[in-house]
């Protein structure tokens, strides 16, 4: 087993495709989590969480963003998990500090707090079973 060590050396300017990187995301606060749709090449959908500003959604590959946190508010989202069948079920989960876990079944238009057996506590990570579309298993930490 090998070990890979990455050093923080000064790097040349970063390029995105043929141009320079630009700030095109949601403004204000730190980005805490980001996830792209499994069908990104077709739907161009990305979700981002900004510190204490909730969830933002882009459907144009991140060129523009809209607030997408109805039912959730401006909680501090730290994690996302998106259904492997997002193209058909439009399901995404979010984990938040002091807010617990949330689910959206309509592509982030609205969110529902998940309280069945999960306390309203810090949720740092959310993961889905690879067979989520059939077994509906969600893990939260």
N, C-alpha and C. Protein backbone atom coordinates (compact mmCIF):
# COMPACT_ATOMS: atom_id res chain seq x y z
N UNK A 1 0.85 -1.17 0.00
CA UNK A 1 0.00 0.00 0.00
C UNK A 1 0.90 1.23 0.00
N UNK A 2 0.66 2.13 -0.92
CA UNK A 2 1.44 3.35 -1.01
C UNK A 2 0.77 4.49 -0.27
N UNK A 3 1.53 5.51 -0.01
CA UNK A 3 1.03 6.70 0.66
C UNK A 3 1.23 7.88 -0.27
N UNK A 4 0.20 8.65 -0.43
CA UNK A 4 0.27 9.84 -1.26
C UNK A 4 0.33 11.06 -0.36
N UNK A 5 1.33 11.89 -0.54
CA UNK A 5 1.46 13.11 0.23
C UNK A 5 1.34 14.28 -0.72
N UNK A 6 0.44 15.18 -0.41
CA UNK A 6 0.25 16.37 -1.23
C UNK A 6 0.75 17.57 -0.44
N UNK A 7 1.67 18.31 -1.03
CA UNK A 7 2.23 19.47 -0.36
C UNK A 7 1.52 20.73 -0.83
N UNK A 8 1.35 21.68 0.05
CA UNK A 8 0.72 22.95 -0.28
C UNK A 8 1.70 23.90 -0.92
N UNK A 9 2.11 23.62 -2.11
CA UNK A 9 3.06 24.46 -2.81
C UNK A 9 2.32 25.57 -3.56
N UNK A 10 3.00 26.65 -3.81
CA UNK A 10 2.40 27.72 -4.60
C UNK A 10 2.12 27.20 -5.99
N UNK A 11 0.91 27.38 -6.45
CA UNK A 11 0.51 26.86 -7.76
C UNK A 11 0.25 28.00 -8.72
N UNK A 12 0.39 27.74 -10.02
CA UNK A 12 0.04 28.76 -10.98
C UNK A 12 -1.46 29.03 -10.94
N UNK A 13 -1.87 30.10 -11.58
CA UNK A 13 -3.29 30.45 -11.62
C UNK A 13 -4.12 29.27 -12.08
N UNK A 14 -5.26 29.02 -11.39
CA UNK A 14 -6.14 27.91 -11.76
C UNK A 14 -6.97 28.30 -12.98
N UNK A 15 -7.14 27.35 -13.86
CA UNK A 15 -7.96 27.58 -15.04
C UNK A 15 -9.15 26.63 -15.04
N UNK A 16 -10.28 27.10 -15.47
CA UNK A 16 -11.48 26.30 -15.62
C UNK A 16 -11.77 26.22 -17.11
N UNK A 17 -11.51 25.07 -17.68
CA UNK A 17 -11.66 24.95 -19.13
C UNK A 17 -10.63 25.84 -19.81
N UNK A 18 -11.08 26.73 -20.65
CA UNK A 18 -10.15 27.60 -21.37
C UNK A 18 -10.02 28.98 -20.73
N UNK A 19 -10.78 29.26 -19.65
CA UNK A 19 -10.72 30.57 -19.01
C UNK A 19 -10.32 30.49 -17.56
N UNK A 20 -10.26 31.63 -16.91
CA UNK A 20 -9.92 31.67 -15.49
C UNK A 20 -11.13 31.30 -14.66
N UNK A 21 -10.86 30.83 -13.44
CA UNK A 21 -11.92 30.55 -12.49
C UNK A 21 -12.60 31.86 -12.13
N UNK A 22 -13.91 31.81 -11.97
CA UNK A 22 -14.66 32.99 -11.56
C UNK A 22 -15.59 32.62 -10.41
N UNK A 23 -15.96 33.62 -9.62
CA UNK A 23 -16.90 33.43 -8.53
C UNK A 23 -18.30 33.58 -9.10
N UNK A 24 -19.01 32.47 -9.25
CA UNK A 24 -20.34 32.53 -9.82
C UNK A 24 -21.39 31.92 -8.92
N UNK A 25 -21.02 31.57 -7.71
CA UNK A 25 -21.94 30.89 -6.81
C UNK A 25 -22.68 31.83 -5.90
N UNK A 26 -23.43 31.25 -4.96
CA UNK A 26 -24.17 32.07 -4.01
C UNK A 26 -23.23 32.94 -3.19
N UNK A 27 -23.60 34.15 -2.95
CA UNK A 27 -22.75 35.10 -2.23
C UNK A 27 -23.06 35.07 -0.73
N UNK A 28 -22.05 35.29 0.06
CA UNK A 28 -22.23 35.46 1.49
C UNK A 28 -22.04 34.18 2.27
N UNK A 29 -21.07 34.16 3.14
CA UNK A 29 -20.83 33.00 3.98
C UNK A 29 -20.00 31.95 3.29
N UNK A 30 -19.62 30.97 4.06
CA UNK A 30 -18.81 29.88 3.55
C UNK A 30 -19.69 28.84 2.87
N UNK A 31 -19.17 28.22 1.83
CA UNK A 31 -19.87 27.09 1.23
C UNK A 31 -19.51 25.86 2.05
N UNK A 32 -20.53 25.25 2.63
CA UNK A 32 -20.31 24.12 3.54
C UNK A 32 -20.44 22.78 2.85
N UNK A 33 -21.25 22.71 1.78
CA UNK A 33 -21.46 21.45 1.09
C UNK A 33 -21.90 21.75 -0.34
N UNK A 34 -21.58 20.84 -1.23
CA UNK A 34 -21.99 20.99 -2.62
C UNK A 34 -22.20 19.59 -3.20
N UNK A 35 -23.23 19.45 -4.02
CA UNK A 35 -23.49 18.16 -4.67
C UNK A 35 -24.12 18.42 -6.03
N UNK A 36 -23.72 17.60 -6.99
CA UNK A 36 -24.28 17.69 -8.34
C UNK A 36 -25.24 16.52 -8.54
N UNK A 37 -26.23 16.75 -9.36
CA UNK A 37 -27.18 15.71 -9.71
C UNK A 37 -26.45 14.56 -10.39
N UNK A 38 -26.87 13.31 -10.13
CA UNK A 38 -26.28 12.18 -10.85
C UNK A 38 -26.55 12.27 -12.36
N UNK A 39 -27.54 13.07 -12.74
CA UNK A 39 -27.89 13.27 -14.14
C UNK A 39 -27.43 14.66 -14.61
N UNK A 40 -26.34 15.15 -14.02
CA UNK A 40 -25.84 16.50 -14.27
C UNK A 40 -25.65 16.80 -15.76
N UNK A 41 -25.20 15.84 -16.53
CA UNK A 41 -24.95 16.09 -17.94
C UNK A 41 -26.24 16.43 -18.70
N UNK A 42 -27.38 16.05 -18.13
CA UNK A 42 -28.67 16.37 -18.76
C UNK A 42 -29.43 17.50 -18.06
N UNK A 43 -29.42 17.49 -16.71
CA UNK A 43 -30.24 18.49 -16.00
C UNK A 43 -29.45 19.70 -15.48
N UNK A 44 -28.11 19.64 -15.53
CA UNK A 44 -27.26 20.78 -15.13
C UNK A 44 -27.49 21.25 -13.70
N UNK A 45 -27.96 20.37 -12.82
CA UNK A 45 -28.37 20.77 -11.47
C UNK A 45 -27.27 20.57 -10.43
N UNK A 46 -27.07 21.62 -9.62
CA UNK A 46 -26.11 21.61 -8.52
C UNK A 46 -26.77 22.24 -7.30
N UNK A 47 -26.52 21.67 -6.13
CA UNK A 47 -26.98 22.25 -4.86
C UNK A 47 -25.76 22.68 -4.07
N UNK A 48 -25.86 23.82 -3.38
CA UNK A 48 -24.79 24.30 -2.51
C UNK A 48 -25.40 24.79 -1.21
N UNK A 49 -24.65 24.64 -0.13
CA UNK A 49 -25.09 25.12 1.18
C UNK A 49 -24.15 26.22 1.63
N UNK A 50 -24.71 27.37 1.94
CA UNK A 50 -23.92 28.49 2.43
C UNK A 50 -24.16 28.62 3.94
N UNK A 51 -23.10 28.89 4.67
CA UNK A 51 -23.17 28.98 6.12
C UNK A 51 -24.30 29.90 6.56
N UNK A 52 -25.22 29.35 7.36
CA UNK A 52 -26.35 30.08 7.94
C UNK A 52 -27.24 30.75 6.89
N UNK A 53 -27.18 30.30 5.65
CA UNK A 53 -28.03 30.86 4.59
C UNK A 53 -28.85 29.79 3.91
N UNK A 54 -28.74 28.54 4.35
CA UNK A 54 -29.53 27.46 3.79
C UNK A 54 -28.99 26.93 2.48
N UNK A 55 -29.91 26.50 1.63
CA UNK A 55 -29.57 25.80 0.40
C UNK A 55 -29.80 26.70 -0.81
N UNK A 56 -28.90 26.58 -1.77
CA UNK A 56 -29.04 27.27 -3.06
C UNK A 56 -29.03 26.22 -4.14
N UNK A 57 -29.74 26.48 -5.23
CA UNK A 57 -29.83 25.53 -6.34
C UNK A 57 -29.51 26.23 -7.65
N UNK A 58 -28.78 25.54 -8.50
CA UNK A 58 -28.50 26.03 -9.85
C UNK A 58 -28.95 24.96 -10.83
N UNK A 59 -29.61 25.38 -11.89
CA UNK A 59 -30.00 24.44 -12.95
C UNK A 59 -29.32 24.80 -14.27
N UNK A 60 -28.27 25.63 -14.17
CA UNK A 60 -27.53 26.01 -15.37
C UNK A 60 -26.01 25.85 -15.16
N UNK A 61 -25.65 24.74 -14.51
CA UNK A 61 -24.25 24.39 -14.27
C UNK A 61 -23.53 25.38 -13.35
N UNK A 62 -24.27 26.07 -12.48
CA UNK A 62 -23.66 26.98 -11.52
C UNK A 62 -23.50 28.40 -12.01
N UNK A 63 -24.06 28.73 -13.15
CA UNK A 63 -23.97 30.11 -13.64
C UNK A 63 -24.85 31.06 -12.83
N UNK A 64 -26.01 30.57 -12.39
CA UNK A 64 -26.90 31.38 -11.55
C UNK A 64 -27.47 30.48 -10.46
N UNK A 65 -27.89 31.10 -9.35
CA UNK A 65 -28.35 30.37 -8.18
C UNK A 65 -29.62 30.98 -7.63
N UNK A 66 -30.49 30.14 -7.05
CA UNK A 66 -31.69 30.61 -6.36
C UNK A 66 -31.72 29.97 -4.98
N UNK A 67 -32.28 30.70 -4.01
CA UNK A 67 -32.47 30.16 -2.67
C UNK A 67 -33.45 29.00 -2.78
N UNK A 68 -33.14 27.91 -2.13
CA UNK A 68 -33.96 26.70 -2.23
C UNK A 68 -34.09 26.07 -0.85
N UNK A 69 -34.65 26.82 0.11
CA UNK A 69 -34.73 26.29 1.47
C UNK A 69 -36.10 26.46 2.13
N UNK A 70 -37.17 26.43 1.35
CA UNK A 70 -38.53 26.51 1.89
C UNK A 70 -38.79 25.33 2.83
N UNK A 71 -39.22 25.62 4.04
CA UNK A 71 -39.46 24.59 5.04
C UNK A 71 -38.24 24.28 5.88
N UNK A 72 -37.11 24.84 5.52
CA UNK A 72 -35.86 24.59 6.21
C UNK A 72 -35.35 25.86 6.88
N UNK A 73 -35.50 26.98 6.23
CA UNK A 73 -34.96 28.22 6.76
C UNK A 73 -33.48 28.34 6.49
N UNK A 74 -32.86 29.27 7.17
CA UNK A 74 -31.44 29.55 6.97
C UNK A 74 -30.58 28.76 7.95
N UNK A 75 -30.78 27.45 7.99
CA UNK A 75 -29.97 26.62 8.88
C UNK A 75 -28.59 26.42 8.27
N UNK A 76 -27.68 25.95 9.09
CA UNK A 76 -26.30 25.73 8.67
C UNK A 76 -26.16 24.31 8.12
N UNK A 77 -26.47 24.12 6.84
CA UNK A 77 -26.39 22.81 6.19
C UNK A 77 -24.92 22.43 6.02
N UNK A 78 -24.60 21.20 6.40
CA UNK A 78 -23.23 20.72 6.32
C UNK A 78 -23.05 19.54 5.37
N UNK A 79 -24.15 18.91 4.95
CA UNK A 79 -24.00 17.71 4.12
C UNK A 79 -25.22 17.52 3.22
N UNK A 80 -24.97 16.93 2.06
CA UNK A 80 -26.03 16.54 1.14
C UNK A 80 -25.85 15.08 0.76
N UNK A 81 -26.95 14.45 0.44
CA UNK A 81 -26.95 13.14 -0.22
C UNK A 81 -28.08 13.19 -1.24
N UNK A 82 -27.77 12.83 -2.47
CA UNK A 82 -28.74 12.95 -3.54
C UNK A 82 -29.05 11.55 -4.08
N UNK A 83 -30.32 11.30 -4.32
CA UNK A 83 -30.75 9.98 -4.78
C UNK A 83 -30.09 9.62 -6.11
N UNK A 84 -29.64 8.37 -6.23
CA UNK A 84 -29.11 7.93 -7.52
C UNK A 84 -30.15 8.01 -8.62
N UNK A 85 -31.43 8.02 -8.23
CA UNK A 85 -32.53 8.11 -9.19
C UNK A 85 -33.11 9.52 -9.21
N UNK A 86 -32.28 10.53 -8.93
CA UNK A 86 -32.75 11.92 -8.85
C UNK A 86 -33.53 12.35 -10.10
N UNK A 87 -33.14 11.87 -11.25
CA UNK A 87 -33.81 12.26 -12.50
C UNK A 87 -35.29 11.91 -12.47
N UNK A 88 -35.65 10.85 -11.74
CA UNK A 88 -37.06 10.46 -11.69
C UNK A 88 -37.73 10.73 -10.34
N UNK A 89 -36.97 10.63 -9.23
CA UNK A 89 -37.62 10.83 -7.92
C UNK A 89 -37.36 12.21 -7.31
N UNK A 90 -36.41 12.98 -7.84
CA UNK A 90 -36.10 14.34 -7.40
C UNK A 90 -35.87 14.45 -5.89
N UNK A 91 -35.25 13.40 -5.31
CA UNK A 91 -35.04 13.34 -3.86
C UNK A 91 -33.62 13.72 -3.49
N UNK A 92 -33.52 14.59 -2.49
CA UNK A 92 -32.23 15.01 -1.94
C UNK A 92 -32.39 15.17 -0.43
N UNK A 93 -31.34 14.84 0.30
CA UNK A 93 -31.32 14.97 1.75
C UNK A 93 -30.26 15.99 2.14
N UNK A 94 -30.49 16.66 3.27
CA UNK A 94 -29.52 17.62 3.80
C UNK A 94 -29.39 17.39 5.30
N UNK A 95 -28.17 17.53 5.80
CA UNK A 95 -27.90 17.46 7.23
C UNK A 95 -27.46 18.83 7.70
N UNK A 96 -27.99 19.28 8.85
CA UNK A 96 -27.70 20.63 9.33
C UNK A 96 -27.30 20.62 10.79
N UNK A 97 -26.51 21.63 11.18
CA UNK A 97 -26.17 21.80 12.59
C UNK A 97 -27.39 22.33 13.32
N UNK A 98 -27.68 21.75 14.45
CA UNK A 98 -28.82 22.14 15.30
C UNK A 98 -30.15 22.09 14.57
N UNK A 99 -30.20 21.44 13.44
CA UNK A 99 -31.45 21.36 12.68
C UNK A 99 -31.83 19.95 12.33
N UNK A 100 -30.88 19.02 12.45
CA UNK A 100 -31.16 17.64 12.11
C UNK A 100 -31.06 17.39 10.62
N UNK A 101 -31.91 16.51 10.14
CA UNK A 101 -31.90 16.12 8.73
C UNK A 101 -33.18 16.58 8.06
N UNK A 102 -33.07 16.84 6.76
CA UNK A 102 -34.20 17.30 5.94
C UNK A 102 -34.25 16.50 4.66
N UNK A 103 -35.45 16.37 4.10
CA UNK A 103 -35.64 15.68 2.83
C UNK A 103 -36.46 16.56 1.90
N UNK A 104 -36.08 16.57 0.64
CA UNK A 104 -36.88 17.19 -0.40
C UNK A 104 -37.17 16.12 -1.45
N UNK A 105 -38.43 16.00 -1.82
CA UNK A 105 -38.83 15.04 -2.85
C UNK A 105 -39.26 15.77 -4.12
N UNK A 106 -38.97 17.06 -4.18
CA UNK A 106 -39.36 17.85 -5.36
C UNK A 106 -38.19 18.70 -5.86
N UNK A 107 -37.00 18.14 -5.78
CA UNK A 107 -35.83 18.82 -6.32
C UNK A 107 -35.43 20.07 -5.57
N UNK A 108 -35.71 20.13 -4.26
CA UNK A 108 -35.30 21.26 -3.44
C UNK A 108 -36.29 22.41 -3.39
N UNK A 109 -37.46 22.26 -4.00
CA UNK A 109 -38.45 23.33 -3.93
C UNK A 109 -38.96 23.52 -2.50
N UNK A 110 -39.09 22.41 -1.77
CA UNK A 110 -39.48 22.48 -0.36
C UNK A 110 -38.81 21.33 0.38
N UNK A 111 -38.65 21.52 1.69
CA UNK A 111 -37.94 20.57 2.53
C UNK A 111 -38.81 20.20 3.72
N UNK A 112 -38.67 18.95 4.19
CA UNK A 112 -39.38 18.46 5.36
C UNK A 112 -38.35 17.97 6.38
N UNK A 113 -38.50 18.42 7.63
CA UNK A 113 -37.60 17.94 8.69
C UNK A 113 -37.90 16.47 8.96
N UNK A 114 -36.86 15.67 9.13
CA UNK A 114 -37.01 14.25 9.44
C UNK A 114 -36.85 14.07 10.94
N UNK A 115 -37.91 13.67 11.59
CA UNK A 115 -37.89 13.55 13.05
C UNK A 115 -38.16 12.13 13.53
N UNK A 116 -38.45 11.19 12.64
CA UNK A 116 -38.74 9.81 13.06
C UNK A 116 -37.48 9.12 13.54
N UNK A 117 -37.25 9.15 14.84
CA UNK A 117 -36.11 8.48 15.43
C UNK A 117 -34.81 9.26 15.37
N UNK A 118 -34.81 10.43 14.74
CA UNK A 118 -33.60 11.23 14.65
C UNK A 118 -33.83 12.53 15.41
N UNK A 119 -33.05 12.75 16.46
CA UNK A 119 -33.25 13.98 17.22
C UNK A 119 -32.84 15.21 16.41
N UNK A 120 -33.37 16.36 16.81
CA UNK A 120 -32.99 17.62 16.17
C UNK A 120 -31.63 18.03 16.72
N UNK A 121 -30.62 17.47 16.15
CA UNK A 121 -29.26 17.65 16.63
C UNK A 121 -28.36 17.95 15.44
N UNK A 122 -27.06 18.01 15.68
CA UNK A 122 -26.12 18.24 14.59
C UNK A 122 -26.03 17.02 13.69
N UNK A 123 -26.21 17.23 12.40
CA UNK A 123 -26.01 16.17 11.41
C UNK A 123 -24.88 16.63 10.50
N UNK A 124 -23.76 15.92 10.59
CA UNK A 124 -22.55 16.30 9.87
C UNK A 124 -22.40 15.58 8.54
N UNK A 125 -23.07 14.44 8.39
CA UNK A 125 -22.93 13.66 7.17
C UNK A 125 -24.22 12.91 6.88
N UNK A 126 -24.53 12.76 5.61
CA UNK A 126 -25.70 12.00 5.16
C UNK A 126 -25.24 11.14 3.99
N UNK A 127 -25.66 9.88 4.01
CA UNK A 127 -25.33 8.97 2.91
C UNK A 127 -26.55 8.11 2.60
N UNK A 128 -26.62 7.67 1.36
CA UNK A 128 -27.72 6.81 0.93
C UNK A 128 -27.18 5.45 0.53
N UNK A 129 -27.99 4.44 0.72
CA UNK A 129 -27.66 3.11 0.23
C UNK A 129 -27.54 3.17 -1.29
N UNK A 130 -26.63 2.39 -1.87
CA UNK A 130 -26.55 2.34 -3.33
C UNK A 130 -27.86 1.89 -3.97
N UNK A 131 -28.68 1.16 -3.20
CA UNK A 131 -29.99 0.72 -3.68
C UNK A 131 -31.12 1.60 -3.14
N UNK A 132 -30.80 2.86 -2.83
CA UNK A 132 -31.79 3.75 -2.24
C UNK A 132 -33.13 3.77 -2.98
N UNK A 133 -33.17 3.80 -4.30
CA UNK A 133 -34.49 3.83 -4.97
C UNK A 133 -35.41 2.68 -4.57
N UNK A 134 -34.84 1.52 -4.21
CA UNK A 134 -35.68 0.40 -3.81
C UNK A 134 -35.73 0.17 -2.30
N UNK A 135 -34.61 0.39 -1.59
CA UNK A 135 -34.62 0.09 -0.14
C UNK A 135 -34.85 1.31 0.74
N UNK A 136 -34.75 2.52 0.18
CA UNK A 136 -35.03 3.79 0.90
C UNK A 136 -34.20 3.96 2.18
N UNK A 137 -32.98 3.43 2.20
CA UNK A 137 -32.12 3.50 3.38
C UNK A 137 -31.27 4.76 3.35
N UNK A 138 -31.34 5.52 4.47
CA UNK A 138 -30.59 6.76 4.63
C UNK A 138 -29.77 6.65 5.91
N UNK A 139 -28.52 7.08 5.84
CA UNK A 139 -27.65 7.07 7.02
C UNK A 139 -27.33 8.53 7.36
N UNK A 140 -27.28 8.84 8.66
CA UNK A 140 -26.93 10.19 9.10
C UNK A 140 -25.99 10.07 10.28
N UNK A 141 -25.06 11.02 10.33
CA UNK A 141 -24.11 11.08 11.45
C UNK A 141 -24.15 12.48 12.01
